[in-house]
PDB file of N, CA and C in Angstrom:
ATOM      1  N   MET A   1     -12.521  -0.201   9.096  1.00  0.00           N
ATOM      2  CA  MET A   1     -11.630  -0.564   9.780  1.00  0.00           C
ATOM      3  C   MET A   1     -10.802  -2.303   8.564  1.00  0.00           C
ATOM      4  N   VAL A   2      -9.827  -2.444   9.021  1.00  0.00           N
ATOM      5  CA  VAL A   2      -9.156  -3.667   8.194  1.00  0.00           C
ATOM      6  C   VAL A   2      -9.060  -4.906   9.232  1.00  0.00           C
ATOM      7  N   ARG A   3      -9.423  -6.137   9.189  1.00  0.00           N
ATOM      8  CA  ARG A   3      -9.675  -6.913   9.836  1.00  0.00           C
ATOM      9  C   ARG A   3      -8.803  -8.025   9.088  1.00  0.00           C
ATOM     10  N   ILE A   4      -7.504  -8.745   9.223  1.00  0.00           N
ATOM     11  CA  ILE A   4      -6.724  -9.864   8.922  1.00  0.00           C
ATOM     12  C   ILE A   4      -7.231 -11.229   9.271  1.00  0.00           C
ATOM     13  N   VAL A   5      -7.552 -11.916   8.221  1.00  0.00           N
ATOM     14  CA  VAL A   5      -7.865 -12.940   8.624  1.00  0.00           C
ATOM     15  C   VAL A   5      -7.692 -14.394   7.263  1.00  0.00           C
ATOM     16  N   GLY A   6      -6.962 -15.437   8.416  1.00  0.00           N
ATOM     17  CA  GLY A   6      -5.983 -16.003   7.626  1.00  0.00           C
ATOM     18  C   GLY A   6      -5.017 -15.856   7.553  1.00  0.00           C
ATOM     19  N   GLU A   7      -3.859 -16.741   7.103  1.00  0.00           N
ATOM     20  CA  GLU A   7      -3.033 -17.232   7.055  1.00  0.00           C
ATOM     21  C   GLU A   7      -2.156 -15.979   5.876  1.00  0.00           C
ATOM     22  N   ALA A   8      -1.117 -14.988   6.433  1.00  0.00           N
ATOM     23  CA  ALA A   8      -0.253 -14.189   5.622  1.00  0.00           C
ATOM     24  C   ALA A   8       1.438 -14.573   6.034  1.00  0.00           C
ATOM     25  N   SER A   9       2.048 -14.332   4.718  1.00  0.00           N
ATOM     26  CA  SER A   9       3.508 -14.019   4.691  1.00  0.00           C
ATOM     27  C   SER A   9       4.460 -12.738   5.643  1.00  0.00           C
ATOM     28  N   GLU A  10       4.532 -11.923   6.413  1.00  0.00           N
ATOM     29  CA  GLU A  10       4.799 -10.792   6.619  1.00  0.00           C
ATOM     30  C   GLU A  10       6.831 -10.669   6.807  1.00  0.00           C
ATOM     31  N   PHE A  11       6.847  -9.407   5.777  1.00  0.00           N
ATOM     32  CA  PHE A  11       8.201  -8.854   5.711  1.00  0.00           C
ATOM     33  C   PHE A  11       8.421  -7.284   6.017  1.00  0.00           C
ATOM     34  N   ALA A  12       9.100  -7.322   7.140  1.00  0.00           N
ATOM     35  CA  ALA A  12       9.517  -5.624   7.573  1.00  0.00           C
ATOM     36  C   ALA A  12      10.507  -4.969   7.232  1.00  0.00           C
ATOM     37  N   ARG A  13      10.360  -3.921   6.928  1.00  0.00           N
ATOM     38  CA  ARG A  13      11.461  -3.328   6.686  1.00  0.00           C
ATOM     39  C   ARG A  13      11.967  -1.978   6.816  1.00  0.00           C
ATOM     40  N   SER A  14      12.721  -0.812   6.693  1.00  0.00           N
ATOM     41  CA  SER A  14      12.955   0.194   7.153  1.00  0.00           C
ATOM     42  C   SER A  14      12.228   1.298   5.958  1.00  0.00           C
ATOM     43  N   SER A  15      11.531   2.463   6.130  1.00  0.00           N
ATOM     44  CA  SER A  15      11.346   2.985   5.587  1.00  0.00           C
ATOM     45  C   SER A  15      12.917   4.487   4.922  1.00  0.00           C
ATOM     46  N   ASP A  16      12.684   5.163   4.363  1.00  0.00           N
ATOM     47  CA  ASP A  16      13.602   6.064   4.004  1.00  0.00           C
ATOM     48  C   ASP A  16      14.423   6.874   5.264  1.00  0.00           C
ATOM     49  N   VAL A  17      13.445   7.065   6.033  1.00  0.00           N
ATOM     50  CA  VAL A  17      13.548   7.959   7.072  1.00  0.00           C
ATOM     51  C   VAL A  17      13.617   6.776   8.712  1.00  0.00           C
ATOM     52  N   GLY A  18      13.768   5.809   8.270  1.00  0.00           N
ATOM     53  CA  GLY A  18      13.615   4.473   9.672  1.00  0.00           C
ATOM     54  C   GLY A  18      12.614   4.092  10.171  1.00  0.00           C
ATOM     55  N   ASN A  19      11.623   4.732   9.510  1.00  0.00           N
ATOM     56  CA  ASN A  19      10.139   3.754  10.147  1.00  0.00           C
ATOM     57  C   ASN A  19       9.907   2.670   9.996  1.00  0.00           C
ATOM     58  N   SER A  20       9.061   1.662  10.465  1.00  0.00           N
ATOM     59  CA  SER A  20       8.878   0.170   9.750  1.00  0.00           C
ATOM     60  C   SER A  20       8.087   0.074   9.165  1.00  0.00           C
ATOM     61  N   VAL A  21       8.390  -0.744   7.899  1.00  0.00           N
ATOM     62  CA  VAL A  21       6.794  -1.245   6.995  1.00  0.00           C
ATOM     63  C   VAL A  21       6.879  -2.290   6.672  1.00  0.00           C
ATOM     64  N   THR A  22       5.953  -2.961   7.264  1.00  0.00           N
ATOM     65  CA  THR A  22       5.526  -4.505   7.236  1.00  0.00           C
ATOM     66  C   THR A  22       4.485  -4.578   6.132  1.00  0.00           C
ATOM     67  N   SER A  23       4.519  -5.160   4.940  1.00  0.00           N
ATOM     68  CA  SER A  23       4.018  -5.921   4.126  1.00  0.00           C
ATOM     69  C   SER A  23       3.345  -7.166   4.061  1.00  0.00           C
ATOM     70  N   GLY A  24       2.105  -7.520   4.464  1.00  0.00           N
ATOM     71  CA  GLY A  24       2.047  -8.747   4.247  1.00  0.00           C
ATOM     72  C   GLY A  24       1.521  -9.314   2.896  1.00  0.00           C
ATOM     73  N   PHE A  25       1.532 -10.868   2.752  1.00  0.00           N
ATOM     74  CA  PHE A  25       1.872 -11.272   1.385  1.00  0.00           C
ATOM     75  C   PHE A  25       1.003 -13.230   1.830  1.00  0.00           C
ATOM     76  N   CYS A  26       0.117 -13.290   0.366  1.00  0.00           N
ATOM     77  CA  CYS A  26      -0.309 -14.138   0.075  1.00  0.00           C
ATOM     78  C   CYS A  26       0.451 -15.237   0.196  1.00  0.00           C
ATOM     79  N   PRO A  27       0.555 -16.646   0.921  1.00  0.00           N
ATOM     80  CA  PRO A  27       1.695 -17.211   1.138  1.00  0.00           C
ATOM     81  C   PRO A  27       1.804 -18.358   0.101  1.00  0.00           C
ATOM     82  N   SER A  28       0.098 -18.673  -0.496  1.00  0.00           N
ATOM     83  CA  SER A  28       0.560 -19.391  -2.410  1.00  0.00           C
ATOM     84  C   SER A  28       0.622 -18.866  -2.929  1.00  0.00           C
ATOM     85  N   CYS A  29       0.410 -17.289  -3.060  1.00  0.00           N
ATOM     86  CA  CYS A  29       0.890 -16.907  -4.850  1.00  0.00           C
ATOM     87  C   CYS A  29       1.861 -15.600  -4.784  1.00  0.00           C
ATOM     88  N   GLY A  30       2.341 -15.049  -3.117  1.00  0.00           N
ATOM     89  CA  GLY A  30       2.669 -13.622  -3.397  1.00  0.00           C
ATOM     90  C   GLY A  30       2.815 -12.319  -3.463  1.00  0.00           C
ATOM     91  N   SER A  31       0.810 -12.759  -3.685  1.00  0.00           N
ATOM     92  CA  SER A  31       0.444 -10.836  -4.057  1.00  0.00           C
ATOM     93  C   SER A  31       0.509 -10.601  -2.567  1.00  0.00           C
ATOM     94  N   THR A  32       0.715  -9.171  -2.680  1.00  0.00           N
ATOM     95  CA  THR A  32       0.378  -8.260  -1.398  1.00  0.00           C
ATOM     96  C   THR A  32      -0.690  -7.673  -1.466  1.00  0.00           C
ATOM     97  N   ILE A  33      -0.892  -8.382   0.251  1.00  0.00           N
ATOM     98  CA  ILE A  33      -2.755  -8.026   0.380  1.00  0.00           C
ATOM     99  C   ILE A  33      -2.903  -6.768   1.619  1.00  0.00           C
ATOM    100  N   TYR A  34      -1.495  -6.419   2.313  1.00  0.00           N
ATOM    101  CA  TYR A  34      -1.835  -5.237   2.773  1.00  0.00           C
ATOM    102  C   TYR A  34      -0.449  -4.760   3.325  1.00  0.00           C
ATOM    103  N   VAL A  35      -0.381  -3.455   3.673  1.00  0.00           N
ATOM    104  CA  VAL A  35       1.030  -2.908   4.113  1.00  0.00           C
ATOM    105  C   VAL A  35       0.717  -2.089   5.725  1.00  0.00           C
ATOM    106  N   GLN A  36       1.186  -2.253   6.446  1.00  0.00           N
ATOM    107  CA  GLN A  36       1.288  -1.605   7.837  1.00  0.00           C
ATOM    108  C   GLN A  36       2.240  -1.050   7.873  1.00  0.00           C
ATOM    109  N   LEU A  37       2.109   0.275   9.022  1.00  0.00           N
ATOM    110  CA  LEU A  37       2.949   1.199   8.578  1.00  0.00           C
ATOM    111  C   LEU A  37       3.330   1.782  10.623  1.00  0.00           C
ATOM    112  N   GLU A  38       5.056   1.597  10.743  1.00  0.00           N
ATOM    113  CA  GLU A  38       5.021   2.010  12.852  1.00  0.00           C
ATOM    114  C   GLU A  38       4.429   3.296  12.782  1.00  0.00           C
ATOM    115  N   LYS A  39       4.708   4.531  11.822  1.00  0.00           N
ATOM    116  CA  LYS A  39       4.221   5.557  11.914  1.00  0.00           C
ATOM    117  C   LYS A  39       2.996   5.725  12.263  1.00  0.00           C
ATOM    118  N   ASN A  40       2.029   4.790  12.029  1.00  0.00           N
ATOM    119  CA  ASN A  40       0.646   4.737  11.913  1.00  0.00           C
ATOM    120  C   ASN A  40      -0.250   3.564  11.882  1.00  0.00           C
ATOM    121  N   PRO A  41      -0.024   3.421  13.488  1.00  0.00           N
ATOM    122  CA  PRO A  41      -0.128   1.955  14.045  1.00  0.00           C
ATOM    123  C   PRO A  41      -1.919   1.590  13.822  1.00  0.00           C
ATOM    124  N   GLY A  42      -2.633   2.315  13.560  1.00  0.00           N
ATOM    125  CA  GLY A  42      -4.104   2.119  13.293  1.00  0.00           C
ATOM    126  C   GLY A  42      -4.520   2.128  11.831  1.00  0.00           C
ATOM    127  N   PHE A  43      -3.477   2.300  11.288  1.00  0.00           N
ATOM    128  CA  PHE A  43      -4.159   2.063   9.442  1.00  0.00           C
ATOM    129  C   PHE A  43      -3.290   0.728   9.106  1.00  0.00           C
ATOM    130  N   THR A  44      -4.115  -0.083   8.253  1.00  0.00           N
ATOM    131  CA  THR A  44      -4.013  -0.939   7.099  1.00  0.00           C
ATOM    132  C   THR A  44      -4.063  -0.515   5.916  1.00  0.00           C
ATOM    133  N   GLY A  45      -3.094  -0.472   4.778  1.00  0.00           N
ATOM    134  CA  GLY A  45      -3.215  -0.187   3.846  1.00  0.00           C
ATOM    135  C   GLY A  45      -3.226  -1.431   2.903  1.00  0.00           C
ATOM    136  N   VAL A  46      -4.053  -1.362   1.835  1.00  0.00           N
ATOM    137  CA  VAL A  46      -4.668  -2.861   1.145  1.00  0.00           C
ATOM    138  C   VAL A  46      -4.363  -2.221  -0.643  1.00  0.00           C
ATOM    139  N   PRO A  47      -3.981  -3.003  -1.285  1.00  0.00           N
ATOM    140  CA  PRO A  47      -3.489  -2.442  -2.380  1.00  0.00           C
ATOM    141  C   PRO A  47      -4.813  -2.529  -3.446  1.00  0.00           C
ATOM    142  N   VAL A  48      -5.420  -1.651  -4.035  1.00  0.00           N
ATOM    143  CA  VAL A  48      -5.889  -1.594  -4.799  1.00  0.00           C
ATOM    144  C   VAL A  48      -6.246  -2.910  -5.928  1.00  0.00           C
ATOM    145  N   GLY A  49      -5.122  -3.582  -6.471  1.00  0.00           N
ATOM    146  CA  GLY A  49      -5.229  -4.490  -7.453  1.00  0.00           C
ATOM    147  C   GLY A  49      -5.900  -5.796  -6.312  1.00  0.00           C
ATOM    148  N   ALA A  50      -5.622  -6.004  -4.845  1.00  0.00           N
ATOM    149  CA  ALA A  50      -6.489  -6.900  -4.307  1.00  0.00           C
ATOM    150  C   ALA A  50      -7.923  -7.480  -4.403  1.00  0.00           C
ATOM    151  N   PHE A  51      -8.070  -6.083  -4.890  1.00  0.00           N
ATOM    152  CA  PHE A  51     -10.227  -6.161  -5.493  1.00  0.00           C
ATOM    153  C   PHE A  51     -10.097  -6.557  -6.481  1.00  0.00           C
ATOM    154  N   GLY A  52     -11.086  -7.302  -6.808  1.00  0.00           N
ATOM    155  CA  GLY A  52     -12.311  -7.196  -7.919  1.00  0.00           C
ATOM    156  C   GLY A  52     -13.045  -6.870  -7.970  1.00  0.00           C
ATOM    157  N   GLU A  53     -13.444  -5.776  -7.882  1.00  0.00           N
ATOM    158  CA  GLU A  53     -15.208  -5.449  -7.860  1.00  0.00           C
ATOM    159  C   GLU A  53     -14.659  -4.030  -8.926  1.00  0.00           C
ATOM    160  N   SER A  54     -15.353  -4.094  -9.711  1.00  0.00           N
ATOM    161  CA  SER A  54     -15.019  -3.506 -11.068  1.00  0.00           C
ATOM    162  C   SER A  54     -15.785  -2.137 -10.543  1.00  0.00           C
ATOM    163  N   ASN A  55     -16.389  -2.367  -9.426  1.00  0.00           N
ATOM    164  CA  ASN A  55     -17.108  -0.964  -8.777  1.00  0.00           C
ATOM    165  C   ASN A  55     -16.133  -0.406  -7.564  1.00  0.00           C
ATOM    166  N   PHE A  56     -15.080  -0.817  -7.879  1.00  0.00           N
ATOM    167  CA  PHE A  56     -14.196   0.251  -6.858  1.00  0.00           C
ATOM    168  C   PHE A  56     -14.057   1.337  -6.420  1.00  0.00           C
ATOM    169  N   PRO A  57     -14.332   2.408  -5.411  1.00  0.00           N
ATOM    170  CA  PRO A  57     -14.198   3.432  -5.065  1.00  0.00           C
ATOM    171  C   PRO A  57     -12.459   4.188  -6.120  1.00  0.00           C
ATOM    172  N   SER A  58     -12.712   4.896  -6.409  1.00  0.00           N
ATOM    173  CA  SER A  58     -11.588   5.761  -6.814  1.00  0.00           C
ATOM    174  C   SER A  58     -10.311   5.854  -6.243  1.00  0.00           C
ATOM    175  N   LEU A  59      -9.086   6.066  -5.917  1.00  0.00           N
ATOM    176  CA  LEU A  59      -7.878   6.539  -5.326  1.00  0.00           C
ATOM    177  C   LEU A  59      -8.208   8.504  -4.989  1.00  0.00           C
ATOM    178  N   ASP A  60      -7.725   8.373  -3.722  1.00  0.00           N
ATOM    179  CA  ASP A  60      -7.638   8.953  -2.693  1.00  0.00           C
ATOM    180  C   ASP A  60      -5.971   9.991  -2.974  1.00  0.00           C
ATOM    181  N   ASN A  61      -5.004   8.663  -2.641  1.00  0.00           N
ATOM    182  CA  ASN A  61      -3.440   9.386  -3.104  1.00  0.00           C
ATOM    183  C   ASN A  61      -3.178   8.289  -3.772  1.00  0.00           C
ATOM    184  N   SER A  62      -2.212   8.298  -3.918  1.00  0.00           N
ATOM    185  CA  SER A  62      -1.261   7.696  -4.774  1.00  0.00           C
ATOM    186  C   SER A  62       0.737   7.819  -4.374  1.00  0.00           C
ATOM    187  N   VAL A  63       1.470   6.520  -3.749  1.00  0.00           N
ATOM    188  CA  VAL A  63       2.287   7.031  -3.183  1.00  0.00           C
ATOM    189  C   VAL A  63       3.115   5.780  -4.165  1.00  0.00           C
ATOM    190  N   TRP A  64       4.737   6.763  -3.725  1.00  0.00           N
ATOM    191  CA  TRP A  64       5.981   5.950  -4.413  1.00  0.00           C
ATOM    192  C   TRP A  64       5.418   5.493  -5.930  1.00  0.00           C
ATOM    193  N   GLU A  65       5.347   7.331  -6.259  1.00  0.00           N
ATOM    194  CA  GLU A  65       4.887   7.133  -8.184  1.00  0.00           C
ATOM    195  C   GLU A  65       5.949   6.629  -8.863  1.00  0.00           C
ATOM    196  N   GLN A  66       7.875   7.006  -8.254  1.00  0.00           N
ATOM    197  CA  GLN A  66       8.669   6.687  -8.994  1.00  0.00           C
ATOM    198  C   GLN A  66       8.357   5.557  -9.114  1.00  0.00           C
ATOM    199  N   GLU A  67       7.952   4.020  -8.863  1.00  0.00           N
ATOM    200  CA  GLU A  67       8.067   3.163  -9.126  1.00  0.00           C
ATOM    201  C   GLU A  67       6.544   2.711 -10.308  1.00  0.00           C
ATOM    202  N   LYS A  68       6.233   3.246 -10.376  1.00  0.00           N
ATOM    203  CA  LYS A  68       4.564   2.863 -11.494  1.00  0.00           C
ATOM    204  C   LYS A  68       5.329   3.260 -12.747  1.00  0.00           C
ATOM    205  N   HIS A  69       4.490   2.379 -13.204  1.00  0.00           N
ATOM    206  CA  HIS A  69       4.300   2.379 -14.798  1.00  0.00           C
ATOM    207  C   HIS A  69       4.537   3.553 -15.676  1.00  0.00           C
ATOM    208  N   HIS A  70       5.176   3.869 -16.597  1.00  0.00           N
ATOM    209  CA  HIS A  70       5.104   5.074 -17.344  1.00  0.00           C
ATOM    210  C   HIS A  70       3.960   6.160 -18.092  1.00  0.00           C
ATOM    211  N   TRP A  71       3.229   4.358 -17.965  1.00  0.00           N
ATOM    212  CA  TRP A  71       1.634   4.715 -18.948  1.00  0.00           C
ATOM    213  C   TRP A  71       0.667   5.015 -18.030  1.00  0.00           C
ATOM    214  N   VAL A  72       0.918   4.265 -16.543  1.00  0.00           N
ATOM    215  CA  VAL A  72      -0.542   4.389 -15.624  1.00  0.00           C
ATOM    216  C   VAL A  72      -0.634   6.458 -15.222  1.00  0.00           C
ATOM    217  N   GLU A  73      -1.669   6.921 -15.102  1.00  0.00           N
ATOM    218  CA  GLU A  73      -2.023   8.029 -15.201  1.00  0.00           C
ATOM    219  C   GLU A  73      -3.282   8.338 -14.026  1.00  0.00           C
ATOM    220  N   PHE A  74      -3.092   9.047 -13.088  1.00  0.00           N
ATOM    221  CA  PHE A  74      -4.146   9.132 -12.507  1.00  0.00           C
ATOM    222  C   PHE A  74      -4.991  10.447 -12.286  1.00  0.00           C
ATOM    223  N   PRO A  75      -6.049  11.077 -11.877  1.00  0.00           N
ATOM    224  CA  PRO A  75      -6.945  12.171 -12.011  1.00  0.00           C
ATOM    225  C   PRO A  75      -6.218  12.890 -11.494  1.00  0.00           C
ATOM    226  N   GLU A  76      -6.102  14.391 -12.093  1.00  0.00           N
ATOM    227  CA  GLU A  76      -5.804  15.776 -11.153  1.00  0.00           C
ATOM    228  C   GLU A  76      -6.134  15.571  -9.238  1.00  0.00           C
ATOM    229  N   SER A  77      -7.457  14.799  -9.272  1.00  0.00           N
ATOM    230  CA  SER A  77      -7.795  14.581  -7.503  1.00  0.00           C
ATOM    231  C   SER A  77      -7.170  14.003  -6.615  1.00  0.00           C
ATOM    232  N   VAL A  78      -6.165  13.168  -7.063  1.00  0.00           N
ATOM    233  CA  VAL A  78      -5.287  12.550  -6.434  1.00  0.00           C
ATOM    234  C   VAL A  78      -4.040  13.186  -6.122  1.00  0.00           C
ATOM    235  N   SER A  79      -3.813  13.088  -4.677  1.00  0.00           N
ATOM    236  CA  SER A  79      -2.671  12.927  -4.314  1.00  0.00           C
ATOM    237  C   SER A  79      -1.778  12.663  -4.491  1.00  0.00           C
ATOM    238  N   ASN A  80      -0.450  12.845  -4.932  1.00  0.00           N
ATOM    239  CA  ASN A  80       0.946  12.314  -5.728  1.00  0.00           C
ATOM    240  C   ASN A  80       1.816  12.671  -4.758  1.00  0.00           C
ATOM    241  N   PHE A  81       2.466  11.070  -4.548  1.00  0.00           N
ATOM    242  CA  PHE A  81       3.825  11.044  -3.371  1.00  0.00           C
ATOM    243  C   PHE A  81       4.552  10.421  -4.145  1.00  0.00           C
ATOM    244  N   VAL A  82       5.903  10.903  -4.486  1.00  0.00           N
ATOM    245  CA  VAL A  82       7.075  10.146  -5.357  1.00  0.00           C
ATOM    246  C   VAL A  82       7.121   9.590  -4.634  1.00  0.00           C
ATOM    247  N   LYS A  83       7.698  10.115  -3.379  1.00  0.00           N
ATOM    248  CA  LYS A  83       8.360   8.293  -2.248  1.00  0.00           C
ATOM    249  C   LYS A  83       7.571   7.885  -1.179  1.00  0.00           C
ATOM    250  N   GLY A  84       6.280   8.358  -1.374  1.00  0.00           N
ATOM    251  CA  GLY A  84       6.123   7.493   0.198  1.00  0.00           C
ATOM    252  C   GLY A  84       5.606   8.635   0.468  1.00  0.00           C
ATOM    253  N   THR A  85       4.496   8.523   2.190  1.00  0.00           N
ATOM    254  CA  THR A  85       4.401   9.932   2.863  1.00  0.00           C
ATOM    255  C   THR A  85       4.829   9.738   3.883  1.00  0.00           C
ATOM    256  N   ASP A  86       6.248   9.491   3.820  1.00  0.00           N
ATOM    257  CA  ASP A  86       6.899   9.668   5.210  1.00  0.00           C
ATOM    258  C   ASP A  86       7.887  11.468   5.139  1.00  0.00           C
ATOM    259  N   ARG A  87       7.603  11.685   6.063  1.00  0.00           N
ATOM    260  CA  ARG A  87       8.295  12.810   6.702  1.00  0.00           C
ATOM    261  C   ARG A  87       8.784  12.852   7.994  1.00  0.00           C
ATOM    262  N   ALA A  88      10.251  13.313   7.958  1.00  0.00           N
ATOM    263  CA  ALA A  88      10.857  13.007   9.006  1.00  0.00           C
ATOM    264  C   ALA A  88      10.879  13.728  10.208  1.00  0.00           C
TER     265      ALA A  88
END
């Protein structure tokens, strides 16, 4: 369970299929600290880059891969989604 504590600036946009996607940002540095999806209101995504622990668990899913750097590679066990997980 994720609980948002402290200040965050939010930006909402529409996904490719029209669902609302809200990103929460640190108001000081602008880093994305969470993402919430209208289609899944009980879910809060936290970018892996927001964690500083070296023993952070490995990924289960990778989304929006068309935006990743060409040199980033994931193990075969990671589910890949080129344009997110939206389904019409």
